C-alpha atoms as a PDB file:
ATOM      1  CA  UNK A   1     -12.462  18.108 -15.198  1.00  0.00           C
ATOM      2  CA  UNK A   2     -13.340  18.514 -11.546  1.00  0.00           C
ATOM      3  CA  UNK A   3     -16.538  18.931  -9.547  1.00  0.00           C
ATOM      4  CA  UNK A   4     -16.792  19.522  -5.805  1.00  0.00           C
ATOM      5  CA  UNK A   5     -19.342  17.562  -3.769  1.00  0.00           C
ATOM      6  CA  UNK A   6     -20.526  18.206  -0.230  1.00  0.00           C
ATOM      7  CA  UNK A   7     -19.214  15.171   1.651  1.00  0.00           C
ATOM      8  CA  UNK A   8     -16.786  15.032   4.550  1.00  0.00           C
ATOM      9  CA  UNK A   9     -14.101  12.329   4.581  1.00  0.00           C
ATOM     10  CA  UNK A  10     -15.980  10.257   7.178  1.00  0.00           C
ATOM     11  CA  UNK A  11     -19.297  10.453   5.301  1.00  0.00           C
ATOM     12  CA  UNK A  12     -17.497   9.613   2.067  1.00  0.00           C
ATOM     13  CA  UNK A  13     -15.905   6.494   3.562  1.00  0.00           C
ATOM     14  CA  UNK A  14     -19.260   5.356   4.959  1.00  0.00           C
ATOM     15  CA  UNK A  15     -20.892   5.919   1.562  1.00  0.00           C
ATOM     16  CA  UNK A  16     -18.169   3.992  -0.255  1.00  0.00           C
ATOM     17  CA  UNK A  17     -18.380   1.043   2.138  1.00  0.00           C
ATOM     18  CA  UNK A  18     -22.183   1.010   1.787  1.00  0.00           C
ATOM     19  CA  UNK A  19     -21.815   1.030  -2.002  1.00  0.00           C
ATOM     20  CA  UNK A  20     -19.278  -1.812  -1.847  1.00  0.00           C
ATOM     21  CA  UNK A  21     -22.115  -4.183  -1.006  1.00  0.00           C
ATOM     22  CA  UNK A  22     -23.592  -3.532  -4.456  1.00  0.00           C
ATOM     23  CA  UNK A  23     -20.696  -2.732  -6.758  1.00  0.00           C
ATOM     24  CA  UNK A  24     -16.933  -2.887  -6.971  1.00  0.00           C
ATOM     25  CA  UNK A  25     -15.150  -0.278  -4.855  1.00  0.00           C
ATOM     26  CA  UNK A  26     -11.437   0.446  -4.676  1.00  0.00           C
ATOM     27  CA  UNK A  27     -10.226   2.890  -2.043  1.00  0.00           C
ATOM     28  CA  UNK A  28      -6.812   4.263  -1.087  1.00  0.00           C
ATOM     29  CA  UNK A  29      -6.833   6.424   2.037  1.00  0.00           C
ATOM     30  CA  UNK A  30      -4.177   8.396   3.904  1.00  0.00           C
ATOM     31  CA  UNK A  31      -6.633   8.659   6.851  1.00  0.00           C
ATOM     32  CA  UNK A  32      -5.601  12.285   7.573  1.00  0.00           C
ATOM     33  CA  UNK A  33      -2.171  11.048   8.692  1.00  0.00           C
ATOM     34  CA  UNK A  34       0.245  13.440   7.022  1.00  0.00           C
ATOM     35  CA  UNK A  35       3.352  11.330   6.468  1.00  0.00           C
ATOM     36  CA  UNK A  36       5.725  11.868   3.530  1.00  0.00           C
ATOM     37  CA  UNK A  37       3.177  14.273   2.047  1.00  0.00           C
ATOM     38  CA  UNK A  38       0.281  11.818   2.128  1.00  0.00           C
ATOM     39  CA  UNK A  39      -2.938  13.833   2.212  1.00  0.00           C
ATOM     40  CA  UNK A  40      -5.442  12.240  -0.155  1.00  0.00           C
ATOM     41  CA  UNK A  41      -8.256   9.722  -0.233  1.00  0.00           C
ATOM     42  CA  UNK A  42      -8.807   8.368  -3.753  1.00  0.00           C
ATOM     43  CA  UNK A  43     -11.597   5.951  -4.670  1.00  0.00           C
ATOM     44  CA  UNK A  44     -13.301   4.443  -7.670  1.00  0.00           C
ATOM     45  CA  UNK A  45     -16.774   2.913  -8.032  1.00  0.00           C
ATOM     46  CA  UNK A  46     -18.262   0.905 -10.892  1.00  0.00           C
ATOM     47  CA  UNK A  47     -15.065   0.281 -12.911  1.00  0.00           C
ATOM     48  CA  UNK A  48     -14.830   0.162 -16.681  1.00  0.00           C
ATOM     49  CA  UNK A  49     -12.847  -3.058 -16.435  1.00  0.00           C
ATOM     50  CA  UNK A  50     -11.490  -5.487 -13.860  1.00  0.00           C
ATOM     51  CA  UNK A  51      -8.862  -8.110 -14.617  1.00  0.00           C
ATOM     52  CA  UNK A  52      -7.333 -10.901 -12.547  1.00  0.00           C
ATOM     53  CA  UNK A  53      -4.372 -12.812 -13.960  1.00  0.00           C
ATOM     54  CA  UNK A  54      -3.270 -16.208 -12.670  1.00  0.00           C
ATOM     55  CA  UNK A  55      -0.240 -18.289 -13.678  1.00  0.00           C
ATOM     56  CA  UNK A  56       0.414 -16.522 -16.965  1.00  0.00           C
ATOM     57  CA  UNK A  57       3.811 -15.700 -18.430  1.00  0.00           C
ATOM     58  CA  UNK A  58       5.341 -13.227 -15.955  1.00  0.00           C
ATOM     59  CA  UNK A  59       6.924 -10.962 -18.588  1.00  0.00           C
ATOM     60  CA  UNK A  60       3.671 -10.811 -20.567  1.00  0.00           C
ATOM     61  CA  UNK A  61       1.708 -10.007 -17.395  1.00  0.00           C
ATOM     62  CA  UNK A  62       4.099  -7.188 -16.503  1.00  0.00           C
ATOM     63  CA  UNK A  63       3.869  -5.799 -20.048  1.00  0.00           C
ATOM     64  CA  UNK A  64       0.061  -5.936 -19.869  1.00  0.00           C
ATOM     65  CA  UNK A  65       0.021  -4.074 -16.549  1.00  0.00           C
ATOM     66  CA  UNK A  66       2.463  -1.475 -17.844  1.00  0.00           C
ATOM     67  CA  UNK A  67       0.300  -0.761 -20.882  1.00  0.00           C
ATOM     68  CA  UNK A  68      -2.883  -0.546 -18.827  1.00  0.00           C
ATOM     69  CA  UNK A  69      -1.607   1.871 -16.200  1.00  0.00           C
ATOM     70  CA  UNK A  70       0.200   4.112 -18.709  1.00  0.00           C
ATOM     71  CA  UNK A  71      -2.996   5.772 -19.967  1.00  0.00           C
ATOM     72  CA  UNK A  72      -3.215   9.425 -18.950  1.00  0.00           C
ATOM     73  CA  UNK A  73      -7.020   9.342 -19.357  1.00  0.00           C
ATOM     74  CA  UNK A  74      -7.768   6.486 -16.945  1.00  0.00           C
ATOM     75  CA  UNK A  75      -7.224   5.677 -13.264  1.00  0.00           C
ATOM     76  CA  UNK A  76      -5.899   2.297 -12.169  1.00  0.00           C
ATOM     77  CA  UNK A  77      -5.967   0.449  -8.849  1.00  0.00           C
ATOM     78  CA  UNK A  78      -4.008  -2.791  -8.742  1.00  0.00           C
ATOM     79  CA  UNK A  79      -2.413  -5.444  -6.562  1.00  0.00           C
ATOM     80  CA  UNK A  80       0.694  -7.489  -7.327  1.00  0.00           C
ATOM     81  CA  UNK A  81       1.249 -10.728  -5.435  1.00  0.00           C
ATOM     82  CA  UNK A  82       4.431 -11.707  -3.635  1.00  0.00           C
ATOM     83  CA  UNK A  83       4.524 -14.891  -5.716  1.00  0.00           C
ATOM     84  CA  UNK A  84       4.513 -12.835  -8.923  1.00  0.00           C
ATOM     85  CA  UNK A  85       7.804 -11.300  -7.841  1.00  0.00           C
ATOM     86  CA  UNK A  86       9.240 -14.795  -7.469  1.00  0.00           C
ATOM     87  CA  UNK A  87       8.087 -15.626 -10.999  1.00  0.00           C
ATOM     88  CA  UNK A  88       9.832 -12.560 -12.394  1.00  0.00           C
ATOM     89  CA  UNK A  89      13.049 -13.663 -10.688  1.00  0.00           C
ATOM     90  CA  UNK A  90      12.603 -17.314 -11.763  1.00  0.00           C
ATOM     91  CA  UNK A  91      12.438 -18.454  -8.150  1.00  0.00           C
ATOM     92  CA  UNK A  92      10.269 -21.442  -7.267  1.00  0.00           C
ATOM     93  CA  UNK A  93       7.209 -20.423  -5.290  1.00  0.00           C
ATOM     94  CA  UNK A  94       6.752 -21.669  -1.751  1.00  0.00           C
ATOM     95  CA  UNK A  95       4.527 -24.680  -1.161  1.00  0.00           C
ATOM     96  CA  UNK A  96       1.302 -23.543   0.494  1.00  0.00           C
ATOM     97  CA  UNK A  97       0.177 -26.041   3.063  1.00  0.00           C
ATOM     98  CA  UNK A  98      -1.982 -23.660   5.058  1.00  0.00           C
ATOM     99  CA  UNK A  99      -4.519 -22.158   2.683  1.00  0.00           C
ATOM    100  CA  UNK A 100      -6.160 -23.199  -0.580  1.00  0.00           C
ATOM    101  CA  UNK A 101      -6.690 -19.559  -1.535  1.00  0.00           C
ATOM    102  CA  UNK A 102      -4.746 -18.579  -4.646  1.00  0.00           C
ATOM    103  CA  UNK A 103      -3.631 -14.967  -4.845  1.00  0.00           C
ATOM    104  CA  UNK A 104      -3.896 -13.488  -8.364  1.00  0.00           C
ATOM    105  CA  UNK A 105      -0.550 -12.525  -9.848  1.00  0.00           C
ATOM    106  CA  UNK A 106      -2.105  -9.189 -10.757  1.00  0.00           C
ATOM    107  CA  UNK A 107      -5.498  -7.643 -10.040  1.00  0.00           C
ATOM    108  CA  UNK A 108      -6.422  -4.483 -11.941  1.00  0.00           C
ATOM    109  CA  UNK A 109      -9.472  -2.206 -11.804  1.00  0.00           C
ATOM    110  CA  UNK A 110      -9.717   0.643 -14.315  1.00  0.00           C
ATOM    111  CA  UNK A 111     -11.912   3.736 -13.895  1.00  0.00           C
ATOM    112  CA  UNK A 112     -12.529   6.782 -16.067  1.00  0.00           C
ATOM    113  CA  UNK A 113     -13.515   8.939 -13.062  1.00  0.00           C
ATOM    114  CA  UNK A 114     -12.603   8.876  -9.376  1.00  0.00           C
ATOM    115  CA  UNK A 115     -13.612  10.465  -6.084  1.00  0.00           C
ATOM    116  CA  UNK A 116     -10.925  12.405  -4.202  1.00  0.00           C
ATOM    117  CA  UNK A 117     -10.853  13.911  -0.721  1.00  0.00           C
ATOM    118  CA  UNK A 118      -7.980  16.288   0.031  1.00  0.00           C
ATOM    119  CA  UNK A 119      -7.374  16.311   3.798  1.00  0.00           C
ATOM    120  CA  UNK A 120      -5.184  19.414   3.537  1.00  0.00           C
ATOM    121  CA  UNK A 121      -8.038  21.607   2.275  1.00  0.00           C
ATOM    122  CA  UNK A 122     -10.917  19.416   3.556  1.00  0.00           C
ATOM    123  CA  UNK A 123     -12.601  19.197   0.141  1.00  0.00           C
ATOM    124  CA  UNK A 124     -14.183  16.280  -1.724  1.00  0.00           C
ATOM    125  CA  UNK A 125     -14.412  16.338  -5.493  1.00  0.00           C
ATOM    126  CA  UNK A 126     -14.843  14.206  -8.602  1.00  0.00           C
ATOM    127  CA  UNK A 127     -12.319  14.219 -11.423  1.00  0.00           C
ATOM    128  CA  UNK A 128     -12.000  12.504 -14.782  1.00  0.00           C
ATOM    129  CA  UNK A 129     -14.824  11.847 -17.219  1.00  0.00           C
ATOM    130  CA  UNK A 130     -17.420  14.570 -16.510  1.00  0.00           C
ATOM    131  CA  UNK A 131     -20.172  12.442 -18.097  1.00  0.00           C
ATOM    132  CA  UNK A 132     -19.942  10.195 -15.023  1.00  0.00           C
ATOM    133  CA  UNK A 133     -20.161  12.988 -12.439  1.00  0.00           C
ATOM    134  CA  UNK A 134     -23.955  13.165 -11.995  1.00  0.00           C
ATOM    135  CA  UNK A 135     -24.284   9.367 -11.697  1.00  0.00           C
ATOM    136  CA  UNK A 136     -21.416   9.140  -9.185  1.00  0.00           C
ATOM    137  CA  UNK A 137     -22.578  12.088  -7.082  1.00  0.00           C
ATOM    138  CA  UNK A 138     -26.133  10.757  -6.857  1.00  0.00           C
ATOM    139  CA  UNK A 139     -24.869   7.300  -5.840  1.00  0.00           C
ATOM    140  CA  UNK A 140     -22.575   8.748  -3.147  1.00  0.00           C
ATOM    141  CA  UNK A 141     -25.162  11.117  -1.685  1.00  0.00           C
ATOM    142  CA  UNK A 142     -27.764   8.331  -1.528  1.00  0.00           C
ATOM    143  CA  UNK A 143     -25.312   5.883   0.050  1.00  0.00           C
ATOM    144  CA  UNK A 144     -24.156   8.470   2.607  1.00  0.00           C
ATOM    145  CA  UNK A 145     -27.783   8.869   3.755  1.00  0.00           C
ATOM    146  CA  UNK A 146     -28.043   5.152   4.500  1.00  0.00           C
ATOM    147  CA  UNK A 147     -27.404   3.795   7.978  1.00  0.00           C
ATOM    148  CA  UNK A 148     -23.743   3.274   8.757  1.00  0.00           C
ATOM    149  CA  UNK A 149     -23.644  -0.489   9.343  1.00  0.00           C
ATOM    150  CA  UNK A 150     -19.979  -0.477  10.301  1.00  0.00           C
ATOM    151  CA  UNK A 151     -19.711   2.045  13.139  1.00  0.00           C
ATOM    152  CA  UNK A 152     -21.458  -0.209  15.685  1.00  0.00           C
ATOM    153  CA  UNK A 153     -18.885  -2.995  15.359  1.00  0.00           C
ATOM    154  CA  UNK A 154     -17.892  -3.889  18.914  1.00  0.00           C
ATOM    155  CA  UNK A 155     -14.185  -4.595  18.559  1.00  0.00           C
ATOM    156  CA  UNK A 156     -13.549  -5.712  22.153  1.00  0.00           C
ATOM    157  CA  UNK A 157     -16.491  -8.098  22.174  1.00  0.00           C
ATOM    158  CA  UNK A 158     -15.489  -9.483  18.797  1.00  0.00           C
ATOM    159  CA  UNK A 159     -11.895 -10.046  19.887  1.00  0.00           C
ATOM    160  CA  UNK A 160     -13.015 -12.475  22.586  1.00  0.00           C
ATOM    161  CA  UNK A 161     -14.592 -14.699  19.945  1.00  0.00           C
ATOM    162  CA  UNK A 162     -11.627 -14.722  17.579  1.00  0.00           C
ATOM    163  CA  UNK A 163      -9.469 -17.782  17.168  1.00  0.00           C
ATOM    164  CA  UNK A 164      -6.242 -17.378  15.230  1.00  0.00           C
ATOM    165  CA  UNK A 165      -4.035 -20.062  13.720  1.00  0.00           C
ATOM    166  CA  UNK A 166      -0.505 -19.906  12.357  1.00  0.00           C
ATOM    167  CA  UNK A 167       0.965 -21.829   9.442  1.00  0.00           C
ATOM    168  CA  UNK A 168       3.825 -22.752  11.818  1.00  0.00           C
ATOM    169  CA  UNK A 169       3.753 -24.941  14.870  1.00  0.00           C
ATOM    170  CA  UNK A 170       6.242 -23.921  17.579  1.00  0.00           C
ATOM    171  CA  UNK A 171       8.575 -26.805  16.697  1.00  0.00           C
ATOM    172  CA  UNK A 172       8.403 -25.985  12.975  1.00  0.00           C
ATOM    173  CA  UNK A 173       9.177 -22.341  13.665  1.00  0.00           C
ATOM    174  CA  UNK A 174      12.195 -23.164  15.831  1.00  0.00           C
ATOM    175  CA  UNK A 175      13.426 -25.580  13.160  1.00  0.00           C
ATOM    176  CA  UNK A 176      13.139 -22.821  10.553  1.00  0.00           C
ATOM    177  CA  UNK A 177      15.181 -20.489  12.767  1.00  0.00           C
ATOM    178  CA  UNK A 178      17.933 -23.111  13.038  1.00  0.00           C
ATOM    179  CA  UNK A 179      17.898 -23.612   9.264  1.00  0.00           C
ATOM    180  CA  UNK A 180      18.353 -19.860   8.753  1.00  0.00           C
ATOM    181  CA  UNK A 181      21.250 -19.800  11.243  1.00  0.00           C
ATOM    182  CA  UNK A 182      22.876 -22.602   9.244  1.00  0.00           C
ATOM    183  CA  UNK A 183      22.393 -20.693   5.961  1.00  0.00           C
ATOM    184  CA  UNK A 184      23.936 -17.571   7.505  1.00  0.00           C
ATOM    185  CA  UNK A 185      26.882 -19.640   8.722  1.00  0.00           C
ATOM    186  CA  UNK A 186      27.380 -20.983   5.180  1.00  0.00           C
ATOM    187  CA  UNK A 187      27.256 -17.476   3.723  1.00  0.00           C
ATOM    188  CA  UNK A 188      24.145 -18.138   1.646  1.00  0.00           C
ATOM    189  CA  UNK A 189      22.202 -15.315   3.296  1.00  0.00           C
ATOM    190  CA  UNK A 190      22.941 -12.636   5.871  1.00  0.00           C
ATOM    191  CA  UNK A 191      19.457 -11.751   7.013  1.00  0.00           C
ATOM    192  CA  UNK A 192      16.095 -13.461   6.604  1.00  0.00           C
ATOM    193  CA  UNK A 193      12.574 -12.268   7.287  1.00  0.00           C
ATOM    194  CA  UNK A 194      10.834 -15.302   8.770  1.00  0.00           C
ATOM    195  CA  UNK A 195       7.110 -14.552   8.809  1.00  0.00           C
ATOM    196  CA  UNK A 196       4.010 -16.378   9.884  1.00  0.00           C
ATOM    197  CA  UNK A 197       0.713 -16.365   8.043  1.00  0.00           C
ATOM    198  CA  UNK A 198      -2.109 -15.904  10.504  1.00  0.00           C
ATOM    199  CA  UNK A 199      -5.639 -17.016   9.739  1.00  0.00           C
ATOM    200  CA  UNK A 200      -8.616 -15.723  11.708  1.00  0.00           C
ATOM    201  CA  UNK A 201     -12.251 -16.681  11.297  1.00  0.00           C
ATOM    202  CA  UNK A 202     -14.191 -13.460  11.808  1.00  0.00           C
ATOM    203  CA  UNK A 203     -17.432 -13.315  13.804  1.00  0.00           C
ATOM    204  CA  UNK A 204     -20.677 -13.652  11.868  1.00  0.00           C
ATOM    205  CA  UNK A 205     -21.452  -9.954  12.219  1.00  0.00           C
ATOM    206  CA  UNK A 206     -18.108  -8.929  10.766  1.00  0.00           C
ATOM    207  CA  UNK A 207     -17.005  -8.217   7.192  1.00  0.00           C
ATOM    208  CA  UNK A 208     -14.107  -6.743   5.268  1.00  0.00           C
ATOM    209  CA  UNK A 209     -15.925  -3.397   5.389  1.00  0.00           C
ATOM    210  CA  UNK A 210     -16.166  -3.498   9.186  1.00  0.00           C
ATOM    211  CA  UNK A 211     -12.521  -4.452   9.545  1.00  0.00           C
ATOM    212  CA  UNK A 212     -11.438  -1.538   7.346  1.00  0.00           C
ATOM    213  CA  UNK A 213     -13.746   0.913   9.128  1.00  0.00           C
ATOM    214  CA  UNK A 214     -12.456  -0.182  12.538  1.00  0.00           C
ATOM    215  CA  UNK A 215      -8.807   0.036  11.464  1.00  0.00           C
ATOM    216  CA  UNK A 216      -9.320   3.491   9.967  1.00  0.00           C
ATOM    217  CA  UNK A 217     -10.992   4.716  13.146  1.00  0.00           C
ATOM    218  CA  UNK A 218      -8.684   3.133  15.742  1.00  0.00           C
ATOM    219  CA  UNK A 219      -5.377   2.767  13.879  1.00  0.00           C
ATOM    220  CA  UNK A 220      -5.286   5.380  11.063  1.00  0.00           C
ATOM    221  CA  UNK A 221      -2.397   4.808   8.679  1.00  0.00           C
ATOM    222  CA  UNK A 222      -1.057   6.991   5.844  1.00  0.00           C
ATOM    223  CA  UNK A 223      -1.216   4.147   3.309  1.00  0.00           C
ATOM    224  CA  UNK A 224      -4.496   2.342   3.933  1.00  0.00           C
ATOM    225  CA  UNK A 225      -6.503   0.476   1.321  1.00  0.00           C
ATOM    226  CA  UNK A 226      -9.791  -1.304   0.706  1.00  0.00           C
ATOM    227  CA  UNK A 227      -9.719  -3.112  -2.641  1.00  0.00           C
ATOM    228  CA  UNK A 228     -12.535  -5.383  -3.784  1.00  0.00           C
ATOM    229  CA  UNK A 229     -11.429  -8.130  -6.125  1.00  0.00           C
ATOM    230  CA  UNK A 230     -13.575 -10.792  -7.766  1.00  0.00           C
ATOM    231  CA  UNK A 231     -13.418 -13.346  -4.939  1.00  0.00           C
ATOM    232  CA  UNK A 232     -11.503 -11.570  -2.190  1.00  0.00           C
ATOM    233  CA  UNK A 233     -11.014  -8.176  -0.547  1.00  0.00           C
ATOM    234  CA  UNK A 234      -7.713  -6.581   0.377  1.00  0.00           C
ATOM    235  CA  UNK A 235      -7.720  -4.530   3.602  1.00  0.00           C
ATOM    236  CA  UNK A 236      -4.482  -2.761   4.398  1.00  0.00           C
ATOM    237  CA  UNK A 237      -3.284  -0.293   7.030  1.00  0.00           C
ATOM    238  CA  UNK A 238       0.369   0.423   6.387  1.00  0.00           C
ATOM    239  CA  UNK A 239       2.556   3.196   7.815  1.00  0.00           C
ATOM    240  CA  UNK A 240       5.133   2.541   5.104  1.00  0.00           C
ATOM    241  CA  UNK A 241       5.292   3.852   1.547  1.00  0.00           C
ATOM    242  CA  UNK A 242       6.522   1.122  -0.791  1.00  0.00           C
ATOM    243  CA  UNK A 243       7.530   3.476  -3.587  1.00  0.00           C
ATOM    244  CA  UNK A 244       6.496   6.701  -5.291  1.00  0.00           C
ATOM    245  CA  UNK A 245       6.844   7.633  -8.951  1.00  0.00           C
ATOM    246  CA  UNK A 246       6.615  11.152 -10.302  1.00  0.00           C
ATOM    247  CA  UNK A 247       7.667  13.115 -13.358  1.00  0.00           C
ATOM    248  CA  UNK A 248      10.646  15.443 -13.337  1.00  0.00           C
ATOM    249  CA  UNK A 249      13.142  17.296 -15.463  1.00  0.00           C
ATOM    250  CA  UNK A 250      16.854  16.736 -15.857  1.00  0.00           C
ATOM    251  CA  UNK A 251      18.952  19.768 -16.682  1.00  0.00           C
ATOM    252  CA  UNK A 252      21.054  19.543 -19.828  1.00  0.00           C
ATOM    253  CA  UNK A 253      23.807  21.832 -20.966  1.00  0.00           C
ATOM    254  CA  UNK A 254      23.744  23.436 -24.393  1.00  0.00           C
ATOM    255  CA  UNK A 255      25.626  26.124 -26.233  1.00  0.00           C
ATOM    256  CA  UNK A 256      28.780  27.938 -25.305  1.00  0.00           C
ATOM    257  CA  UNK A 257      30.254  27.844 -21.814  1.00  0.00           C
ATOM    258  CA  UNK A 258      27.762  25.175 -20.736  1.00  0.00           C
ATOM    259  CA  UNK A 259      24.840  27.621 -20.624  1.00  0.00           C
ATOM    260  CA  UNK A 260      21.618  25.826 -19.695  1.00  0.00           C
ATOM    261  CA  UNK A 261      18.723  25.950 -22.122  1.00  0.00           C
ATOM    262  CA  UNK A 262      15.382  25.118 -20.387  1.00  0.00           C
ATOM    263  CA  UNK A 263      13.897  24.000 -23.693  1.00  0.00           C
ATOM    264  CA  UNK A 264      16.453  21.202 -23.921  1.00  0.00           C
ATOM    265  CA  UNK A 265      15.680  19.768 -20.451  1.00  0.00           C
ATOM    266  CA  UNK A 266      14.941  16.047 -20.599  1.00  0.00           C
ATOM    267  CA  UNK A 267      11.752  14.605 -19.055  1.00  0.00           C
ATOM    268  CA  UNK A 268      12.482  11.757 -16.655  1.00  0.00           C
ATOM    269  CA  UNK A 269      10.653   9.580 -14.165  1.00  0.00           C
ATOM    270  CA  UNK A 270      11.695   9.859 -10.533  1.00  0.00           C
ATOM    271  CA  UNK A 271      11.189   6.932  -8.175  1.00  0.00           C
ATOM    272  CA  UNK A 272      11.691   6.982  -4.423  1.00  0.00           C
ATOM    273  CA  UNK A 273      11.329   4.398  -1.669  1.00  0.00           C
ATOM    274  CA  UNK A 274      10.799   5.069   2.040  1.00  0.00           C
ATOM    275  CA  UNK A 275      11.336   1.918   4.133  1.00  0.00           C
ATOM    276  CA  UNK A 276      10.669   1.750   7.863  1.00  0.00           C
ATOM    277  CA  UNK A 277      12.567  -0.696  10.064  1.00  0.00           C
ATOM    278  CA  UNK A 278      12.819  -0.548  13.836  1.00  0.00           C
ATOM    279  CA  UNK A 279       9.975   0.726  16.020  1.00  0.00           C
ATOM    280  CA  UNK A 280       9.181   1.599  19.616  1.00  0.00           C
ATOM    281  CA  UNK A 281       5.900   2.431  21.291  1.00  0.00           C
ATOM    282  CA  UNK A 282       5.284   6.042  22.332  1.00  0.00           C
ATOM    283  CA  UNK A 283       6.004   6.976  25.931  1.00  0.00           C
ATOM    284  CA  UNK A 284       3.242   7.856  28.379  1.00  0.00           C
ATOM    285  CA  UNK A 285       5.228  10.933  29.462  1.00  0.00           C
ATOM    286  CA  UNK A 286       7.611  13.269  27.653  1.00  0.00           C
ATOM    287  CA  UNK A 287      10.517  11.832  29.644  1.00  0.00           C
ATOM    288  CA  UNK A 288       9.644   8.213  28.786  1.00  0.00           C
ATOM    289  CA  UNK A 289       9.109   9.214  25.153  1.00  0.00           C
ATOM    290  CA  UNK A 290      12.596  10.752  25.017  1.00  0.00           C
ATOM    291  CA  UNK A 291      14.152   7.621  26.539  1.00  0.00           C
ATOM    292  CA  UNK A 292      12.439   5.363  23.999  1.00  0.00           C
ATOM    293  CA  UNK A 293      13.580   7.614  21.133  1.00  0.00           C
ATOM    294  CA  UNK A 294      17.165   7.454  22.382  1.00  0.00           C
ATOM    295  CA  UNK A 295      16.957   3.669  22.837  1.00  0.00           C
ATOM    296  CA  UNK A 296      15.789   3.222  19.259  1.00  0.00           C
ATOM    297  CA  UNK A 297      18.468   5.517  17.834  1.00  0.00           C
ATOM    298  CA  UNK A 298      21.205   3.606  19.700  1.00  0.00           C
ATOM    299  CA  UNK A 299      19.891   0.113  18.916  1.00  0.00           C
ATOM    300  CA  UNK A 300      22.528  -1.852  16.981  1.00  0.00           C
ATOM    301  CA  UNK A 301      19.979  -4.486  15.944  1.00  0.00           C
ATOM    302  CA  UNK A 302      17.438  -1.983  14.594  1.00  0.00           C
ATOM    303  CA  UNK A 303      20.112   0.014  12.771  1.00  0.00           C
ATOM    304  CA  UNK A 304      21.441  -3.161  11.124  1.00  0.00           C
ATOM    305  CA  UNK A 305      17.941  -4.056   9.935  1.00  0.00           C
ATOM    306  CA  UNK A 306      17.358  -0.547   8.593  1.00  0.00           C
ATOM    307  CA  UNK A 307      20.685  -0.448   6.743  1.00  0.00           C
ATOM    308  CA  UNK A 308      19.957  -3.901   5.309  1.00  0.00           C
ATOM    309  CA  UNK A 309      16.624  -2.866   3.785  1.00  0.00           C
ATOM    310  CA  UNK A 310      18.084   0.374   2.398  1.00  0.00           C
ATOM    311  CA  UNK A 311      20.868  -1.630   0.752  1.00  0.00           C
ATOM    312  CA  UNK A 312      18.307  -4.067  -0.624  1.00  0.00           C
ATOM    313  CA  UNK A 313      16.214  -1.246  -2.096  1.00  0.00           C
ATOM    314  CA  UNK A 314      19.278   0.409  -3.605  1.00  0.00           C
ATOM    315  CA  UNK A 315      20.001  -2.867  -5.350  1.00  0.00           C
ATOM    316  CA  UNK A 316      16.406  -3.221  -6.579  1.00  0.00           C
ATOM    317  CA  UNK A 317      16.206   0.363  -7.830  1.00  0.00           C
ATOM    318  CA  UNK A 318      19.569  -0.060  -9.509  1.00  0.00           C
ATOM    319  CA  UNK A 319      18.019  -2.683 -11.795  1.00  0.00           C
ATOM    320  CA  UNK A 320      15.639  -0.157 -13.357  1.00  0.00           C
ATOM    321  CA  UNK A 321      17.285   3.252 -12.808  1.00  0.00           C
ATOM    322  CA  UNK A 322      20.119   4.911 -14.698  1.00  0.00           C
ATOM    323  CA  UNK A 323      23.546   3.817 -13.503  1.00  0.00           C
ATOM    324  CA  UNK A 324      24.842   6.173 -10.820  1.00  0.00           C
ATOM    325  CA  UNK A 325      21.485   7.881 -10.264  1.00  0.00           C
ATOM    326  CA  UNK A 326      20.452   6.033  -7.080  1.00  0.00           C
ATOM    327  CA  UNK A 327      21.208   7.992  -3.908  1.00  0.00           C
ATOM    328  CA  UNK A 328      20.443   7.550  -0.194  1.00  0.00           C
ATOM    329  CA  UNK A 329      19.151  10.955   0.891  1.00  0.00           C
ATOM    330  CA  UNK A 330      18.770  10.032   4.555  1.00  0.00           C
ATOM    331  CA  UNK A 331      19.572   6.955   6.636  1.00  0.00           C
ATOM    332  CA  UNK A 332      18.117   5.809   9.968  1.00  0.00           C
ATOM    333  CA  UNK A 333      16.256   9.066  10.525  1.00  0.00           C
ATOM    334  CA  UNK A 334      13.764   8.885  13.351  1.00  0.00           C
ATOM    335  CA  UNK A 335      10.174   9.380  12.275  1.00  0.00           C
ATOM    336  CA  UNK A 336       7.113   9.812  14.480  1.00  0.00           C
END
């Protein structure tokens, strides 16, 4: 079932962020950035169920998540922690010396109806359980009429008050680089992503809602998210699709002379990944833009990093896909 409601994307986001002060809200937003077909905003309010799993058996947790998100009648928003991946691979988790916060292995919020905005046709509508439509529409319309408490966030003023801290000192970071060089020399790894965790204490007038609103306005990304968990909020603004799953058909041959019979086609799941590695800023003129594009295309370092991640993803997909079915459709293509 589907019901259209009279809310623009901006009013809808404001309404959802206002509602998030009173009830659980999960929001995925392509921010009108059409990249790899992204064109939707999808959100849920007042979930049927929320679950956070910590330190349970990894296989059992994965089975639980699989069962929960397989329902064709419900909508699921979830997060999976980096550490959970280590557990699945039987790799010891890193020692956290920087933060006492414990990321849930899996967070899951389940809804029987969601709000959708389609940027391609500029329409907002409800879909799912029609018994929830009146309640959801009334809540959204009322919240959209409230004052937008997030639009007046003065980013530049706030930046001056921010103090960030890394989980590395300079000497520790340089020591880690040398350790990686040694591991490469011994053949134990050939490329390592050495990252820092940055912690920032936000100003008193800030909030997760304001951070998301500011990011969406000033740095729109095709894979943005605002996910309220029990004791934390995830705010994301990513240009990169991790993976996409969709249904498809595989042609089979039946009968004489290999004649295809559509009724015998096999239903399959298709999974694709779209990594991004290697970036340059945009040029201030067309000439500078062209030079930066050419520099990126010719960069040996950036190409090596891109090929590495494609190879890594081929290996990962090969663990769950049919043998011989994984293909690289394009490599090191420039995207704007």
